[in-house]
């Protein structure tokens, strides 16, 4: 899980696989395995990347 989350950069859009009702969030920071994401329905959440693999959203 760590490897995929390591590619996430500020500004990227992601979805939490276990919390789809949070909506599509925007990565704020990714430092030492802690990813801060601002979700429209849950606010700012800090994710431990060793426990959760966030799903990147690519929209055209």
PDB file of N, CA and C in Angstrom:
ATOM      1  N   UNK A   1       0.818  -1.203   0.000  1.00  0.00           N
ATOM      2  CA  UNK A   1       0.000   0.000   0.000  1.00  0.00           C
ATOM      3  C   UNK A   1       0.852   1.252   0.000  1.00  0.00           C
ATOM      4  N   UNK A   2       1.924   1.219   0.719  1.00  0.00           N
ATOM      5  CA  UNK A   2       2.794   2.381   0.839  1.00  0.00           C
ATOM      6  C   UNK A   2       3.248   2.909  -0.516  1.00  0.00           C
ATOM      7  N   UNK A   3       3.606   2.014  -1.425  1.00  0.00           N
ATOM      8  CA  UNK A   3       4.184   2.426  -2.695  1.00  0.00           C
ATOM      9  C   UNK A   3       3.217   3.260  -3.534  1.00  0.00           C
ATOM     10  N   UNK A   4       1.965   2.845  -3.617  1.00  0.00           N
ATOM     11  CA  UNK A   4       0.999   3.601  -4.405  1.00  0.00           C
ATOM     12  C   UNK A   4       0.711   4.957  -3.785  1.00  0.00           C
ATOM     13  N   UNK A   5       0.549   5.006  -2.486  1.00  0.00           N
ATOM     14  CA  UNK A   5       0.284   6.277  -1.810  1.00  0.00           C
ATOM     15  C   UNK A   5       1.471   7.228  -1.908  1.00  0.00           C
ATOM     16  N   UNK A   6       2.684   6.687  -2.024  1.00  0.00           N
ATOM     17  CA  UNK A   6       3.877   7.528  -2.114  1.00  0.00           C
ATOM     18  C   UNK A   6       3.844   8.392  -3.375  1.00  0.00           C
ATOM     19  N   UNK A   7       3.079   7.982  -4.372  1.00  0.00           N
ATOM     20  CA  UNK A   7       2.991   8.739  -5.622  1.00  0.00           C
ATOM     21  C   UNK A   7       2.023   9.918  -5.536  1.00  0.00           C
ATOM     22  N   UNK A   8       1.219   9.957  -4.485  1.00  0.00           N
ATOM     23  CA  UNK A   8       0.232  11.026  -4.352  1.00  0.00           C
ATOM     24  C   UNK A   8       0.918  12.343  -4.007  1.00  0.00           C
ATOM     25  N   UNK A   9       0.520  13.387  -4.723  1.00  0.00           N
ATOM     26  CA  UNK A   9       1.094  14.728  -4.520  1.00  0.00           C
ATOM     27  C   UNK A   9      -0.022  15.722  -4.222  1.00  0.00           C
ATOM     28  N   UNK A  10       0.317  16.837  -3.579  1.00  0.00           N
ATOM     29  CA  UNK A  10      -0.700  17.863  -3.325  1.00  0.00           C
ATOM     30  C   UNK A  10      -1.402  18.276  -4.609  1.00  0.00           C
ATOM     31  N   UNK A  11      -2.718  18.402  -4.501  1.00  0.00           N
ATOM     32  CA  UNK A  11      -3.532  18.783  -5.645  1.00  0.00           C
ATOM     33  C   UNK A  11      -4.210  17.604  -6.314  1.00  0.00           C
ATOM     34  N   UNK A  12      -3.675  16.395  -6.121  1.00  0.00           N
ATOM     35  CA  UNK A  12      -4.287  15.221  -6.733  1.00  0.00           C
ATOM     36  C   UNK A  12      -5.615  14.916  -6.071  1.00  0.00           C
ATOM     37  N   UNK A  13      -6.534  14.322  -6.827  1.00  0.00           N
ATOM     38  CA  UNK A  13      -7.855  13.969  -6.330  1.00  0.00           C
ATOM     39  C   UNK A  13      -7.866  12.480  -5.981  1.00  0.00           C
ATOM     40  N   UNK A  14      -8.489  12.130  -4.853  1.00  0.00           N
ATOM     41  CA  UNK A  14      -8.525  10.745  -4.378  1.00  0.00           C
ATOM     42  C   UNK A  14      -9.871  10.414  -3.751  1.00  0.00           C
ATOM     43  N   UNK A  15     -10.126   9.106  -3.645  1.00  0.00           N
ATOM     44  CA  UNK A  15     -11.299   8.591  -2.955  1.00  0.00           C
ATOM     45  C   UNK A  15     -10.809   7.610  -1.899  1.00  0.00           C
ATOM     46  N   UNK A  16     -11.417   7.649  -0.717  1.00  0.00           N
ATOM     47  CA  UNK A  16     -11.116   6.669   0.337  1.00  0.00           C
ATOM     48  C   UNK A  16     -11.965   5.439   0.037  1.00  0.00           C
ATOM     49  N   UNK A  17     -11.341   4.263  -0.177  1.00  0.00           N
ATOM     50  CA  UNK A  17     -12.107   3.080  -0.589  1.00  0.00           C
ATOM     51  C   UNK A  17     -13.160   2.620   0.411  1.00  0.00           C
ATOM     52  N   UNK A  18     -12.963   2.860   1.687  1.00  0.00           N
ATOM     53  CA  UNK A  18     -13.917   2.431   2.710  1.00  0.00           C
ATOM     54  C   UNK A  18     -14.932   3.519   3.065  1.00  0.00           C
ATOM     55  N   UNK A  19     -14.732   4.735   2.514  1.00  0.00           N
ATOM     56  CA  UNK A  19     -15.615   5.859   2.853  1.00  0.00           C
ATOM     57  C   UNK A  19     -16.048   6.611   1.592  1.00  0.00           C
ATOM     58  N   UNK A  20     -16.724   5.945   0.656  1.00  0.00           N
ATOM     59  CA  UNK A  20     -17.104   6.636  -0.586  1.00  0.00           C
ATOM     60  C   UNK A  20     -18.047   7.817  -0.359  1.00  0.00           C
ATOM     61  N   UNK A  21     -18.772   7.820   0.762  1.00  0.00           N
ATOM     62  CA  UNK A  21     -19.686   8.920   1.055  1.00  0.00           C
ATOM     63  C   UNK A  21     -18.948  10.219   1.396  1.00  0.00           C
ATOM     64  N   UNK A  22     -17.637  10.148   1.621  1.00  0.00           N
ATOM     65  CA  UNK A  22     -16.844  11.358   1.876  1.00  0.00           C
ATOM     66  C   UNK A  22     -16.652  12.171   0.603  1.00  0.00           C
ATOM     67  N   UNK A  23     -16.870  11.548  -0.548  1.00  0.00           N
ATOM     68  CA  UNK A  23     -16.685  12.230  -1.823  1.00  0.00           C
ATOM     69  C   UNK A  23     -15.244  12.172  -2.289  1.00  0.00           C
ATOM     70  N   UNK A  24     -14.971  12.903  -3.351  1.00  0.00           N
ATOM     71  CA  UNK A  24     -13.622  12.963  -3.922  1.00  0.00           C
ATOM     72  C   UNK A  24     -12.851  14.060  -3.214  1.00  0.00           C
ATOM     73  N   UNK A  25     -11.745  13.665  -2.573  1.00  0.00           N
ATOM     74  CA  UNK A  25     -10.942  14.614  -1.815  1.00  0.00           C
ATOM     75  C   UNK A  25      -9.734  15.096  -2.580  1.00  0.00           C
ATOM     76  N   UNK A  26      -9.147  16.161  -2.081  1.00  0.00           N
ATOM     77  CA  UNK A  26      -7.930  16.709  -2.681  1.00  0.00           C
ATOM     78  C   UNK A  26      -6.785  16.556  -1.696  1.00  0.00           C
ATOM     79  N   UNK A  27      -5.680  15.970  -2.170  1.00  0.00           N
ATOM     80  CA  UNK A  27      -4.496  15.778  -1.334  1.00  0.00           C
ATOM     81  C   UNK A  27      -3.914  17.144  -0.985  1.00  0.00           C
ATOM     82  N   UNK A  28      -3.674  17.370   0.305  1.00  0.00           N
ATOM     83  CA  UNK A  28      -3.070  18.614   0.779  1.00  0.00           C
ATOM     84  C   UNK A  28      -1.572  18.441   1.007  1.00  0.00           C
ATOM     85  N   UNK A  29      -1.186  17.260   1.559  1.00  0.00           N
ATOM     86  CA  UNK A  29       0.228  16.972   1.786  1.00  0.00           C
ATOM     87  C   UNK A  29       0.429  15.471   1.905  1.00  0.00           C
ATOM     88  N   UNK A  30       1.670  15.042   1.699  1.00  0.00           N
ATOM     89  CA  UNK A  30       2.054  13.639   1.810  1.00  0.00           C
ATOM     90  C   UNK A  30       3.456  13.612   2.407  1.00  0.00           C
ATOM     91  N   UNK A  31       3.524  13.468   3.729  1.00  0.00           N
ATOM     92  CA  UNK A  31       4.795  13.556   4.449  1.00  0.00           C
ATOM     93  C   UNK A  31       4.957  12.346   5.350  1.00  0.00           C
ATOM     94  N   UNK A  32       6.034  11.607   5.126  1.00  0.00           N
ATOM     95  CA  UNK A  32       6.397  10.461   5.977  1.00  0.00           C
ATOM     96  C   UNK A  32       5.242   9.487   6.186  1.00  0.00           C
ATOM     97  N   UNK A  33       4.521   9.182   5.110  1.00  0.00           N
ATOM     98  CA  UNK A  33       3.448   8.197   5.209  1.00  0.00           C
ATOM     99  C   UNK A  33       2.137   8.720   5.761  1.00  0.00           C
ATOM    100  N   UNK A  34       2.069   9.993   6.062  1.00  0.00           N
ATOM    101  CA  UNK A  34       0.824  10.621   6.529  1.00  0.00           C
ATOM    102  C   UNK A  34       0.315  11.527   5.410  1.00  0.00           C
ATOM    103  N   UNK A  35      -0.878  11.209   4.929  1.00  0.00           N
ATOM    104  CA  UNK A  35      -1.459  11.960   3.819  1.00  0.00           C
ATOM    105  C   UNK A  35      -2.644  12.759   4.335  1.00  0.00           C
ATOM    106  N   UNK A  36      -2.592  14.064   4.174  1.00  0.00           N
ATOM    107  CA  UNK A  36      -3.702  14.923   4.567  1.00  0.00           C
ATOM    108  C   UNK A  36      -4.556  15.180   3.331  1.00  0.00           C
ATOM    109  N   UNK A  37      -5.846  14.871   3.463  1.00  0.00           N
ATOM    110  CA  UNK A  37      -6.780  15.017   2.347  1.00  0.00           C
ATOM    111  C   UNK A  37      -7.967  15.843   2.815  1.00  0.00           C
ATOM    112  N   UNK A  38      -8.399  16.770   1.986  1.00  0.00           N
ATOM    113  CA  UNK A  38      -9.585  17.564   2.272  1.00  0.00           C
ATOM    114  C   UNK A  38     -10.758  16.965   1.496  1.00  0.00           C
ATOM    115  N   UNK A  39     -11.680  16.308   2.222  1.00  0.00           N
ATOM    116  CA  UNK A  39     -12.853  15.685   1.611  1.00  0.00           C
ATOM    117  C   UNK A  39     -14.039  16.625   1.745  1.00  0.00           C
ATOM    118  N   UNK A  40     -14.869  16.756   0.684  1.00  0.00           N
ATOM    119  CA  UNK A  40     -15.992  17.695   0.741  1.00  0.00           C
ATOM    120  C   UNK A  40     -17.028  17.367   1.816  1.00  0.00           C
ATOM    121  N   UNK A  41     -17.211  16.084   2.133  1.00  0.00           N
ATOM    122  CA  UNK A  41     -18.239  15.705   3.097  1.00  0.00           C
ATOM    123  C   UNK A  41     -17.685  15.336   4.475  1.00  0.00           C
ATOM    124  N   UNK A  42     -16.354  15.336   4.639  1.00  0.00           N
ATOM    125  CA  UNK A  42     -15.767  14.943   5.923  1.00  0.00           C
ATOM    126  C   UNK A  42     -14.744  15.939   6.439  1.00  0.00           C
ATOM    127  N   UNK A  43     -14.350  16.891   5.600  1.00  0.00           N
ATOM    128  CA  UNK A  43     -13.345  17.865   6.015  1.00  0.00           C
ATOM    129  C   UNK A  43     -11.939  17.321   5.843  1.00  0.00           C
ATOM    130  N   UNK A  44     -11.009  17.913   6.571  1.00  0.00           N
ATOM    131  CA  UNK A  44      -9.597  17.553   6.458  1.00  0.00           C
ATOM    132  C   UNK A  44      -9.317  16.320   7.309  1.00  0.00           C
ATOM    133  N   UNK A  45      -8.805  15.268   6.669  1.00  0.00           N
ATOM    134  CA  UNK A  45      -8.530  13.990   7.325  1.00  0.00           C
ATOM    135  C   UNK A  45      -7.076  13.619   7.081  1.00  0.00           C
ATOM    136  N   UNK A  46      -6.397  13.134   8.130  1.00  0.00           N
ATOM    137  CA  UNK A  46      -5.029  12.619   7.984  1.00  0.00           C
ATOM    138  C   UNK A  46      -5.112  11.101   7.887  1.00  0.00           C
ATOM    139  N   UNK A  47      -4.556  10.558   6.810  1.00  0.00           N
ATOM    140  CA  UNK A  47      -4.606   9.126   6.513  1.00  0.00           C
ATOM    141  C   UNK A  47      -3.228   8.515   6.734  1.00  0.00           C
ATOM    142  N   UNK A  48      -3.179   7.379   7.425  1.00  0.00           N
ATOM    143  CA  UNK A  48      -1.938   6.610   7.582  1.00  0.00           C
ATOM    144  C   UNK A  48      -1.807   5.724   6.358  1.00  0.00           C
ATOM    145  N   UNK A  49      -0.841   6.010   5.495  1.00  0.00           N
ATOM    146  CA  UNK A  49      -0.738   5.302   4.223  1.00  0.00           C
ATOM    147  C   UNK A  49      -0.348   3.836   4.376  1.00  0.00           C
ATOM    148  N   UNK A  50       0.108   3.431   5.546  1.00  0.00           N
ATOM    149  CA  UNK A  50       0.413   2.011   5.747  1.00  0.00           C
ATOM    150  C   UNK A  50      -0.857   1.208   6.030  1.00  0.00           C
ATOM    151  N   UNK A  51      -1.972   1.900   6.273  1.00  0.00           N
ATOM    152  CA  UNK A  51      -3.231   1.228   6.600  1.00  0.00           C
ATOM    153  C   UNK A  51      -4.295   1.362   5.516  1.00  0.00           C
ATOM    154  N   UNK A  52      -4.229   2.434   4.736  1.00  0.00           N
ATOM    155  CA  UNK A  52      -5.261   2.687   3.729  1.00  0.00           C
ATOM    156  C   UNK A  52      -4.600   3.040   2.393  1.00  0.00           C
ATOM    157  N   UNK A  53      -5.035   2.371   1.324  1.00  0.00           N
ATOM    158  CA  UNK A  53      -4.579   2.701  -0.022  1.00  0.00           C
ATOM    159  C   UNK A  53      -5.643   3.568  -0.671  1.00  0.00           C
ATOM    160  N   UNK A  54      -5.354   4.864  -0.763  1.00  0.00           N
ATOM    161  CA  UNK A  54      -6.296   5.776  -1.401  1.00  0.00           C
ATOM    162  C   UNK A  54      -6.334   5.508  -2.903  1.00  0.00           C
ATOM    163  N   UNK A  55      -7.489   5.769  -3.497  1.00  0.00           N
ATOM    164  CA  UNK A  55      -7.672   5.522  -4.933  1.00  0.00           C
ATOM    165  C   UNK A  55      -7.617   6.851  -5.695  1.00  0.00           C
ATOM    166  N   UNK A  56      -6.625   7.022  -6.567  1.00  0.00           N
ATOM    167  CA  UNK A  56      -6.549   8.260  -7.338  1.00  0.00           C
ATOM    168  C   UNK A  56      -7.726   8.381  -8.307  1.00  0.00           C
ATOM    169  N   UNK A  57      -8.169   9.599  -8.528  1.00  0.00           N
ATOM    170  CA  UNK A  57      -9.258   9.872  -9.459  1.00  0.00           C
ATOM    171  C   UNK A  57      -8.686  10.691 -10.609  1.00  0.00           C
ATOM    172  N   UNK A  58      -8.845  10.167 -11.810  1.00  0.00           N
ATOM    173  CA  UNK A  58      -8.358  10.868 -12.998  1.00  0.00           C
ATOM    174  C   UNK A  58      -9.562  11.250 -13.844  1.00  0.00           C
ATOM    175  N   UNK A  59      -9.841  12.535 -13.888  1.00  0.00           N
ATOM    176  CA  UNK A  59     -10.978  13.035 -14.651  1.00  0.00           C
ATOM    177  C   UNK A  59     -10.471  13.796 -15.851  1.00  0.00           C
ATOM    178  N   UNK A  60     -11.152  13.652 -16.966  1.00  0.00           N
ATOM    179  CA  UNK A  60     -10.730  14.377 -18.162  1.00  0.00           C
ATOM    180  C   UNK A  60     -11.507  15.651 -18.344  1.00  0.00           C
TER     181      UNK A  60
END
